[in-house]
Structure formats: structure tokens, C-alpha cells
Amino acid sequence: VKECMSVLKGAYSVVAIIDGVGLLAFRDPYGVRPLCIGRRAPVDSDKGWEYAVASEDCTFGPLEMTHLRDVAPGECVIIDQEGN
């Protein structure tokens, strides 16, 4: 991710699912494009929180999620398969 950020120019927000790892999300160093994280309590009590990443927090309402926080400019977030 660090190497990508040094090569990429302009405004971007990136979200990817990595098999066996979890969810990866990062935002351009200038914070031009928004990116936020939402979560909801697990449907099954033995599982962790459920997360979503979106460019706008209005996405979370229909998913019954709450806005947790914005991803900071230049920040990379990894949410593992257990919801950590």
C-alpha cells in the first residue's frame, strides 16, 4: 500500500477483499476522496462485529449499520475475518 501511494497520483479511495485476510481500505494522502467505516452488531452472537466501507455514510442506514469513523487521509485500514 505504501508503494502504491508513492506511485499513484490524484484522488482515490480503494477497497479490496483479500482472500484469507479480510478487508483492506485506504485513502489518498490528501483526503480528497471520502471513505468511511460502518459497523453493526453480529447477527449470530458467536461472531464479531460486521463492517462495511463506503464513500458516503448514507450507505450504512439501509444496511442497519452505524457510522464508526472516517478513514484518515493516507490511512490504511485492515479488518480481518474475525472483525478486528
C-alpha atoms as a PDB file:
ATOM      1  CA  VAL A   1       0.000   0.000   0.000  1.00  0.00           C
ATOM      2  CA  LYS A   2       2.802   2.380   0.866  1.00  0.00           C
ATOM      3  CA  GLU A   3       4.397   1.756  -2.528  1.00  0.00           C
ATOM      4  CA  CYS A   4       1.058   2.258  -4.290  1.00  0.00           C
ATOM      5  CA  MET A   5       0.564   5.588  -2.580  1.00  0.00           C
ATOM      6  CA  SER A   6       4.017   6.774  -3.664  1.00  0.00           C
ATOM      7  CA  VAL A   7       3.247   5.885  -7.307  1.00  0.00           C
ATOM      8  CA  LEU A   8      -0.432   6.853  -7.596  1.00  0.00           C
ATOM      9  CA  LYS A   9      -1.202  10.490  -8.329  1.00  0.00           C
ATOM     10  CA  GLY A  10      -4.511  12.213  -7.788  1.00  0.00           C
ATOM     11  CA  ALA A  11      -7.527  11.448  -5.651  1.00  0.00           C
ATOM     12  CA  TYR A  12      -8.617   7.920  -4.768  1.00  0.00           C
ATOM     13  CA  SER A  13     -10.194   5.626  -2.212  1.00  0.00           C
ATOM     14  CA  VAL A  14      -9.525   1.903  -2.521  1.00  0.00           C
ATOM     15  CA  VAL A  15     -11.389  -1.055  -1.004  1.00  0.00           C
ATOM     16  CA  ALA A  16     -10.365  -4.673  -1.585  1.00  0.00           C
ATOM     17  CA  ILE A  17     -11.143  -8.075  -0.126  1.00  0.00           C
ATOM     18  CA  ILE A  18      -8.056 -10.246   0.313  1.00  0.00           C
ATOM     19  CA  ASP A  19      -8.758 -13.971   0.485  1.00  0.00           C
ATOM     20  CA  GLY A  20      -7.724 -15.418   3.838  1.00  0.00           C
ATOM     21  CA  VAL A  21      -7.006 -11.964   5.294  1.00  0.00           C
ATOM     22  CA  GLY A  22     -10.051  -9.694   5.253  1.00  0.00           C
ATOM     23  CA  LEU A  23     -10.994  -6.212   4.097  1.00  0.00           C
ATOM     24  CA  LEU A  24      -8.367  -3.638   3.069  1.00  0.00           C
ATOM     25  CA  ALA A  25      -9.227   0.036   2.613  1.00  0.00           C
ATOM     26  CA  PHE A  26      -7.054   3.096   2.062  1.00  0.00           C
ATOM     27  CA  ARG A  27      -7.444   6.723   1.087  1.00  0.00           C
ATOM     28  CA  ASP A  28      -5.277   9.166  -0.833  1.00  0.00           C
ATOM     29  CA  PRO A  29      -2.772  11.172   1.252  1.00  0.00           C
ATOM     30  CA  TYR A  30      -4.608  14.448   0.595  1.00  0.00           C
ATOM     31  CA  GLY A  31      -8.015  13.170   1.661  1.00  0.00           C
ATOM     32  CA  VAL A  32      -9.747  14.365  -1.493  1.00  0.00           C
ATOM     33  CA  ARG A  33     -11.997  11.304  -1.819  1.00  0.00           C
ATOM     34  CA  PRO A  34     -14.076  10.386   1.239  1.00  0.00           C
ATOM     35  CA  LEU A  35     -14.002   6.946   2.824  1.00  0.00           C
ATOM     36  CA  CYS A  36     -15.789   5.857   5.982  1.00  0.00           C
ATOM     37  CA  ILE A  37     -16.308   2.730   8.054  1.00  0.00           C
ATOM     38  CA  GLY A  38     -19.628   1.473   9.381  1.00  0.00           C
ATOM     39  CA  ARG A  39     -20.478  -1.454  11.612  1.00  0.00           C
ATOM     40  CA  ARG A  40     -23.347  -3.363  13.162  1.00  0.00           C
ATOM     41  CA  ALA A  41     -23.734  -5.959  15.872  1.00  0.00           C
ATOM     42  CA  PRO A  42     -23.390  -9.527  14.633  1.00  0.00           C
ATOM     43  CA  VAL A  43     -26.485 -11.436  13.565  1.00  0.00           C
ATOM     44  CA  ASP A  44     -25.021 -14.578  15.164  1.00  0.00           C
ATOM     45  CA  SER A  45     -23.938 -13.892  18.738  1.00  0.00           C
ATOM     46  CA  ASP A  46     -20.787 -16.018  18.393  1.00  0.00           C
ATOM     47  CA  LYS A  47     -19.348 -13.843  15.607  1.00  0.00           C
ATOM     48  CA  GLY A  48     -17.610 -10.461  15.733  1.00  0.00           C
ATOM     49  CA  TRP A  49     -18.851  -7.092  14.514  1.00  0.00           C
ATOM     50  CA  GLU A  50     -19.858  -6.789  10.865  1.00  0.00           C
ATOM     51  CA  TYR A  51     -18.167  -3.972   8.924  1.00  0.00           C
ATOM     52  CA  ALA A  52     -18.637  -2.064   5.679  1.00  0.00           C
ATOM     53  CA  VAL A  53     -16.534   0.601   3.992  1.00  0.00           C
ATOM     54  CA  ALA A  54     -18.121   3.207   1.717  1.00  0.00           C
ATOM     55  CA  SER A  55     -17.538   6.637   0.234  1.00  0.00           C
ATOM     56  CA  GLU A  56     -20.616   8.061   1.977  1.00  0.00           C
ATOM     57  CA  ASP A  57     -22.114   7.229   5.364  1.00  0.00           C
ATOM     58  CA  CYS A  58     -25.660   7.348   3.943  1.00  0.00           C
ATOM     59  CA  THR A  59     -24.885   3.823   2.670  1.00  0.00           C
ATOM     60  CA  PHE A  60     -24.967   2.454   6.209  1.00  0.00           C
ATOM     61  CA  GLY A  61     -28.615   3.243   7.057  1.00  0.00           C
ATOM     62  CA  PRO A  62     -30.211   0.717   4.670  1.00  0.00           C
ATOM     63  CA  LEU A  63     -27.691  -1.870   5.908  1.00  0.00           C
ATOM     64  CA  GLU A  64     -28.713  -1.147   9.532  1.00  0.00           C
ATOM     65  CA  MET A  65     -25.143  -0.086  10.297  1.00  0.00           C
ATOM     66  CA  THR A  66     -23.842   2.927  12.178  1.00  0.00           C
ATOM     67  CA  HIS A  67     -21.059   5.238  11.070  1.00  0.00           C
ATOM     68  CA  LEU A  68     -17.992   4.267  13.081  1.00  0.00           C
ATOM     69  CA  ARG A  69     -15.458   6.765  11.705  1.00  0.00           C
ATOM     70  CA  ASP A  70     -13.815   8.231   8.628  1.00  0.00           C
ATOM     71  CA  VAL A  71     -10.619   6.746   7.252  1.00  0.00           C
ATOM     72  CA  ALA A  72      -7.972   9.465   7.673  1.00  0.00           C
ATOM     73  CA  PRO A  73      -6.109  10.859   4.654  1.00  0.00           C
ATOM     74  CA  GLY A  74      -3.251   8.470   3.793  1.00  0.00           C
ATOM     75  CA  GLU A  75      -4.502   5.863   6.279  1.00  0.00           C
ATOM     76  CA  CYS A  76      -4.741   2.151   5.520  1.00  0.00           C
ATOM     77  CA  VAL A  77      -7.255   0.026   7.439  1.00  0.00           C
ATOM     78  CA  ILE A  78      -7.376  -3.778   7.566  1.00  0.00           C
ATOM     79  CA  ILE A  79     -10.370  -5.535   9.074  1.00  0.00           C
ATOM     80  CA  ASP A  80      -9.619  -9.222   9.495  1.00  0.00           C
ATOM     81  CA  GLN A  81     -12.088 -12.061   9.006  1.00  0.00           C
ATOM     82  CA  GLU A  82     -12.931 -12.053  12.723  1.00  0.00           C
ATOM     83  CA  GLY A  83     -13.912  -8.372  12.610  1.00  0.00           C
ATOM     84  CA  ASN A  84     -10.808  -6.964  14.295  1.00  0.00           C
END
